[in-house]
Structure formats: structure tokens, C-alpha cells
C-alpha atoms as a PDB file:
ATOM      1  CA  MET A   1     -20.580  13.958   0.358  1.00  0.00           C
ATOM      2  CA  LEU A   2     -22.225  15.626   3.312  1.00  0.00           C
ATOM      3  CA  GLY A   3     -25.922  16.314   3.184  1.00  0.00           C
ATOM      4  CA  ASP A   4     -28.013  19.198   4.474  1.00  0.00           C
ATOM      5  CA  PRO A   5     -30.121  17.858   7.367  1.00  0.00           C
ATOM      6  CA  ARG A   6     -32.284  20.998   7.709  1.00  0.00           C
ATOM      7  CA  GLY A   7     -34.734  19.932   5.023  1.00  0.00           C
ATOM      8  CA  CYS A   8     -34.877  16.374   6.350  1.00  0.00           C
ATOM      9  CA  GLU A   9     -35.983  17.060   9.939  1.00  0.00           C
ATOM     10  CA  SER A  10     -39.704  17.038   9.191  1.00  0.00           C
ATOM     11  CA  THR A  11     -39.344  14.019   6.904  1.00  0.00           C
ATOM     12  CA  ILE A  12     -37.438  12.129   9.600  1.00  0.00           C
ATOM     13  CA  ALA A  13     -40.054  13.045  12.224  1.00  0.00           C
ATOM     14  CA  ALA A  14     -42.921  11.872   9.997  1.00  0.00           C
ATOM     15  CA  LEU A  15     -41.087   8.701   9.000  1.00  0.00           C
ATOM     16  CA  MET A  16     -40.240   7.924  12.639  1.00  0.00           C
ATOM     17  CA  ALA A  17     -43.878   8.366  13.709  1.00  0.00           C
ATOM     18  CA  GLU A  18     -44.942   5.944  10.999  1.00  0.00           C
ATOM     19  CA  TYR A  19     -42.117   3.512  11.828  1.00  0.00           C
ATOM     20  CA  THR A  20     -43.008   3.551  15.545  1.00  0.00           C
ATOM     21  CA  GLN A  21     -46.590   2.633  14.666  1.00  0.00           C
ATOM     22  CA  TYR A  22     -45.301  -0.071  12.297  1.00  0.00           C
ATOM     23  CA  VAL A  23     -43.193  -1.608  15.096  1.00  0.00           C
ATOM     24  CA  ARG A  24     -46.184  -1.605  17.462  1.00  0.00           C
ATOM     25  CA  GLU A  25     -48.388  -3.351  14.920  1.00  0.00           C
ATOM     26  CA  GLU A  26     -45.985  -5.746  13.192  1.00  0.00           C
ATOM     27  CA  HIS A  27     -43.863  -6.754  16.174  1.00  0.00           C
ATOM     28  CA  ALA A  28     -46.532  -6.693  18.891  1.00  0.00           C
ATOM     29  CA  ARG A  29     -46.396 -10.453  19.484  1.00  0.00           C
ATOM     30  CA  CYS A  30     -42.645 -10.580  19.870  1.00  0.00           C
ATOM     31  CA  ARG A  31     -41.817  -8.863  23.166  1.00  0.00           C
ATOM     32  CA  VAL A  32     -38.179 -10.005  23.133  1.00  0.00           C
ATOM     33  CA  CYS A  33     -37.616  -9.164  19.466  1.00  0.00           C
ATOM     34  CA  PRO A  34     -34.559  -6.933  18.844  1.00  0.00           C
ATOM     35  CA  VAL A  35     -36.757  -4.577  16.829  1.00  0.00           C
ATOM     36  CA  THR A  36     -39.168  -3.926  19.706  1.00  0.00           C
ATOM     37  CA  ARG A  37     -36.221  -3.409  22.038  1.00  0.00           C
ATOM     38  CA  SER A  38     -33.965  -1.262  19.848  1.00  0.00           C
ATOM     39  CA  GLY A  39     -35.680  -0.527  16.537  1.00  0.00           C
ATOM     40  CA  VAL A  40     -36.786   3.048  17.113  1.00  0.00           C
ATOM     41  CA  PRO A  41     -33.441   4.459  18.363  1.00  0.00           C
ATOM     42  CA  ILE A  42     -31.414   2.531  15.762  1.00  0.00           C
ATOM     43  CA  VAL A  43     -33.652   3.560  12.848  1.00  0.00           C
ATOM     44  CA  ARG A  44     -33.668   7.189  14.035  1.00  0.00           C
ATOM     45  CA  SER A  45     -29.864   7.051  14.151  1.00  0.00           C
ATOM     46  CA  MET A  46     -29.756   5.552  10.644  1.00  0.00           C
ATOM     47  CA  LEU A  47     -31.969   8.276   9.196  1.00  0.00           C
ATOM     48  CA  GLU A  48     -30.058  11.054  10.962  1.00  0.00           C
ATOM     49  CA  TRP A  49     -26.781   9.587   9.711  1.00  0.00           C
ATOM     50  CA  LYS A  50     -28.179   9.428   6.181  1.00  0.00           C
ATOM     51  CA  ALA A  51     -29.265  13.079   6.424  1.00  0.00           C
ATOM     52  CA  VAL A  52     -25.910  14.322   7.713  1.00  0.00           C
ATOM     53  CA  GLN A  53     -23.227  11.931   6.449  1.00  0.00           C
ATOM     54  CA  GLY A  54     -25.014  10.299   3.556  1.00  0.00           C
ATOM     55  CA  ASP A  55     -26.614  11.712   0.460  1.00  0.00           C
ATOM     56  CA  VAL A  56     -29.804  13.064   2.150  1.00  0.00           C
ATOM     57  CA  ARG A  57     -31.958  10.587   0.194  1.00  0.00           C
ATOM     58  CA  LEU A  58     -33.656   8.954   3.185  1.00  0.00           C
ATOM     59  CA  TYR A  59     -35.487   6.363   1.103  1.00  0.00           C
ATOM     60  CA  HIS A  60     -32.482   5.440  -1.061  1.00  0.00           C
ATOM     61  CA  TRP A  61     -30.360   2.732   0.570  1.00  0.00           C
ATOM     62  CA  THR A  62     -27.552   0.760  -0.983  1.00  0.00           C
ATOM     63  CA  ARG A  63     -25.485  -2.116   0.279  1.00  0.00           C
ATOM     64  CA  GLN A  64     -22.605   0.295   0.792  1.00  0.00           C
ATOM     65  CA  ASP A  65     -24.807   2.701   2.781  1.00  0.00           C
ATOM     66  CA  LEU A  66     -25.745  -0.068   5.202  1.00  0.00           C
ATOM     67  CA  ARG A  67     -22.156  -1.230   5.558  1.00  0.00           C
ATOM     68  CA  ASP A  68     -20.923   2.334   6.073  1.00  0.00           C
ATOM     69  CA  TYR A  69     -23.505   2.911   8.775  1.00  0.00           C
ATOM     70  CA  LEU A  70     -23.211  -0.440  10.570  1.00  0.00           C
ATOM     71  CA  LEU A  71     -19.442  -0.855  10.345  1.00  0.00           C
ATOM     72  CA  GLY A  72     -18.197   2.706  10.146  1.00  0.00           C
ATOM     73  CA  TYR A  73     -20.511   5.069  11.954  1.00  0.00           C
ATOM     74  CA  LEU A  74     -22.390   2.924  14.473  1.00  0.00           C
ATOM     75  CA  PRO A  75     -19.442   1.790  16.634  1.00  0.00           C
ATOM     76  CA  SER A  76     -18.648   5.430  17.420  1.00  0.00           C
ATOM     77  CA  ALA A  77     -22.260   6.678  17.563  1.00  0.00           C
ATOM     78  CA  ASP A  78     -23.754   8.127  20.707  1.00  0.00           C
ATOM     79  CA  LEU A  79     -25.966   5.097  21.356  1.00  0.00           C
ATOM     80  CA  SER A  80     -26.077   2.659  24.221  1.00  0.00           C
ATOM     81  CA  ARG A  81     -23.644  -0.223  23.751  1.00  0.00           C
ATOM     82  CA  ALA A  82     -26.540  -2.556  24.614  1.00  0.00           C
ATOM     83  CA  LEU A  83     -28.226  -1.594  21.320  1.00  0.00           C
ATOM     84  CA  LEU A  84     -25.280  -2.484  19.071  1.00  0.00           C
ATOM     85  CA  PRO A  85     -25.962  -6.236  18.735  1.00  0.00           C
ATOM     86  CA  ASP A  86     -29.518  -5.419  17.576  1.00  0.00           C
ATOM     87  CA  ALA A  87     -28.430  -2.930  14.895  1.00  0.00           C
ATOM     88  CA  PRO A  88     -28.202  -5.289  11.871  1.00  0.00           C
ATOM     89  CA  THR A  89     -31.660  -6.723  12.608  1.00  0.00           C
ATOM     90  CA  CYS A  90     -33.098  -3.216  13.024  1.00  0.00           C
ATOM     91  CA  ALA A  91     -31.428  -2.073   9.791  1.00  0.00           C
ATOM     92  CA  LYS A  92     -33.022  -5.002   7.985  1.00  0.00           C
ATOM     93  CA  ASP A  93     -36.374  -4.074   9.517  1.00  0.00           C
ATOM     94  CA  LEU A  94     -36.029  -0.514   8.169  1.00  0.00           C
ATOM     95  CA  VAL A  95     -35.401  -1.949   4.708  1.00  0.00           C
ATOM     96  CA  TYR A  96     -38.515  -4.137   4.965  1.00  0.00           C
ATOM     97  CA  PHE A  97     -40.545  -1.206   6.327  1.00  0.00           C
ATOM     98  CA  LEU A  98     -39.575   1.031   3.400  1.00  0.00           C
ATOM     99  CA  ALA A  99     -40.224  -1.788   0.933  1.00  0.00           C
ATOM    100  CA  ASP A 100     -43.679  -2.459   2.418  1.00  0.00           C
ATOM    101  CA  ARG A 101     -44.509   1.230   2.020  1.00  0.00           C
ATOM    102  CA  GLY A 102     -43.297   1.160  -1.570  1.00  0.00           C
ATOM    103  CA  THR A 103     -40.772   3.930  -0.929  1.00  0.00           C
ATOM    104  CA  LEU A 104     -37.520   1.955  -0.911  1.00  0.00           C
ATOM    105  CA  ALA A 105     -35.140   3.117  -3.611  1.00  0.00           C
ATOM    106  CA  GLY A 106     -31.616   1.949  -4.316  1.00  0.00           C
ATOM    107  CA  ASP A 107     -30.555  -1.675  -4.116  1.00  0.00           C
ATOM    108  CA  ASN A 108     -32.972  -4.598  -4.125  1.00  0.00           C
ATOM    109  CA  VAL A 109     -34.479  -5.682  -0.789  1.00  0.00           C
ATOM    110  CA  SER A 110     -32.718  -9.057  -0.900  1.00  0.00           C
ATOM    111  CA  ILE A 111     -29.323  -7.419  -1.508  1.00  0.00           C
ATOM    112  CA  LEU A 112     -29.858  -5.075   1.441  1.00  0.00           C
ATOM    113  CA  ALA A 113     -31.036  -7.933   3.668  1.00  0.00           C
ATOM    114  CA  ASP A 114     -27.935  -9.931   2.721  1.00  0.00           C
ATOM    115  CA  ALA A 115     -25.742  -6.943   3.611  1.00  0.00           C
ATOM    116  CA  THR A 116     -27.226  -6.771   7.107  1.00  0.00           C
ATOM    117  CA  ASP A 117     -26.854 -10.538   7.527  1.00  0.00           C
ATOM    118  CA  GLU A 118     -23.180 -10.318   6.583  1.00  0.00           C
ATOM    119  CA  VAL A 119     -22.649  -7.799   9.361  1.00  0.00           C
ATOM    120  CA  PHE A 120     -24.800  -9.729  11.844  1.00  0.00           C
ATOM    121  CA  TYR A 121     -22.985 -13.007  11.296  1.00  0.00           C
ATOM    122  CA  GLY A 122     -19.577 -11.355  11.279  1.00  0.00           C
ATOM    123  CA  TYR A 123     -18.595 -11.933   7.660  1.00  0.00           C
ATOM    124  CA  ALA A 124     -18.302  -8.224   6.909  1.00  0.00           C
ATOM    125  CA  ARG A 125     -17.000  -7.051  10.255  1.00  0.00           C
ATOM    126  CA  PRO A 126     -13.583  -5.400   9.985  1.00  0.00           C
ATOM    127  CA  VAL A 127     -13.879  -4.113  13.549  1.00  0.00           C
ATOM    128  CA  ASP A 128     -15.625  -5.739  16.435  1.00  0.00           C
ATOM    129  CA  LEU A 129     -18.867  -3.877  17.169  1.00  0.00           C
ATOM    130  CA  ILE A 130     -19.663  -5.320  20.559  1.00  0.00           C
ATOM    131  CA  GLY A 131     -16.387  -6.605  21.937  1.00  0.00           C
ATOM    132  CA  ALA A 132     -17.025 -10.254  21.136  1.00  0.00           C
ATOM    133  CA  ARG A 133     -17.466 -11.872  17.762  1.00  0.00           C
ATOM    134  CA  VAL A 134     -21.096 -12.630  17.016  1.00  0.00           C
ATOM    135  CA  THR A 135     -21.529 -15.890  15.166  1.00  0.00           C
ATOM    136  CA  ALA A 136     -24.554 -17.827  14.041  1.00  0.00           C
ATOM    137  CA  LYS A 137     -23.606 -20.587  16.458  1.00  0.00           C
ATOM    138  CA  PRO A 138     -21.369 -20.051  19.502  1.00  0.00           C
ATOM    139  CA  ALA A 139     -19.652 -23.362  18.738  1.00  0.00           C
ATOM    140  CA  ASP A 140     -18.390 -21.990  15.392  1.00  0.00           C
ATOM    141  CA  GLY A 141     -15.947 -19.639  17.129  1.00  0.00           C
ATOM    142  CA  ARG A 142     -14.651 -22.381  19.402  1.00  0.00           C
ATOM    143  CA  ARG A 143     -14.338 -24.736  16.442  1.00  0.00           C
ATOM    144  CA  ALA A 144     -12.305 -22.179  14.494  1.00  0.00           C
ATOM    145  CA  ARG A 145      -9.986 -21.561  17.469  1.00  0.00           C
ATOM    146  CA  ARG A 146      -9.470 -25.307  17.968  1.00  0.00           C
ATOM    147  CA  LYS A 147      -8.691 -25.751  14.289  1.00  0.00           C
ATOM    148  CA  ALA A 148      -6.183 -22.887  14.354  1.00  0.00           C
ATOM    149  CA  ALA A 149      -4.513 -24.352  17.459  1.00  0.00           C
ATOM    150  CA  ARG A 150      -4.365 -27.797  15.850  1.00  0.00           C
ATOM    151  CA  THR A 151      -2.794 -26.343  12.693  1.00  0.00           C
ATOM    152  CA  ALA A 152      -0.232 -24.460  14.789  1.00  0.00           C
ATOM    153  CA  ARG A 153       0.695 -27.635  16.686  1.00  0.00           C
ATOM    154  CA  ARG A 154       1.216 -29.524  13.412  1.00  0.00           C
ATOM    155  CA  ARG A 155       3.342 -26.695  12.066  1.00  0.00           C
ATOM    156  CA  ASN A 156       5.467 -26.694  15.242  1.00  0.00           C
ATOM    157  CA  ARG A 157       6.007 -30.470  15.046  1.00  0.00           C
ATOM    158  CA  ARG A 158       7.362 -30.172  11.508  1.00  0.00           C
ATOM    159  CA  ALA A 159       9.825 -27.452  12.471  1.00  0.00           C
END
């Protein structure tokens, strides 16, 4: 269902002004934080996507909305590729921002945070967002490849 973004422009502008101030205040100590680096453009993109592709309810976010944005829309969005690894963290920050304001509607905060973590850690990633699998620990990917190679060797010995 496509929304009508005309009525949302002023709401997005006001929300972005408030979010920008929120980032300055809440993330001031963390200069290398993904939110200070990429939060404003990612959140603006999320709200614009919600206004155009979503259901126009900017404060109503569901697990499926976050997955649709992060896994479906974001890889093809007109954003710098350097911002893509920060997107799940910035999406989670938007959820916390709306919850702190008392305007978050839809799924529970913890459900939405879990949805962003699933994308961040690669559990919900059907396509690769940044060209290389992001894992919690770089060794996990190597461990999985070694295990797959070991299993293949065993299978070949039996044949």
C-alpha cells in the first residue's frame, strides 16, 4: 500500500529537527558511534520510505516494517554505501528515540530492537547489504567455512 507523502513533509521535517537535536545530546560523548556518523541520513531515509512505500504512519513501526526497509529498500536506496553497515544501529536508535518521546506505536520496543539485531548480525539477511557478511565476531565466519570444508572432506572420503 503506497502512502501519500504530501501530508508527511512537515511532520518529517519537524521530527528530523527533533531527532538531530536528540543525536547531539544523547550521543555527544561517542564521536565514533554509528548514530553520530550516519543516524540523520538513515533516519530521514526511513521516514521518507515510510511516507512513500509504507503506510504513512511515521510513528507506527512493526518488525516487518524494519525488515522491509533494511533488507528490501535500503540496499537499492540512494545512500552512500559507507552508511549501510550503520543502518541497523540507526534504525534501533530511531525506535528508542520514538519510545523516549512516547510516540512509538506498533510493535514493542524489544521486538523492534531484536529485529534490527537480527539484520545487524546477519540472521535475517537474505541478501548481502554491504558485500561481506557482518557477524558478531569475525572468527565466526571463518569457523563456519572451516566446518563446511571439514564436512565436505569427510563426505568425499566416504564416496
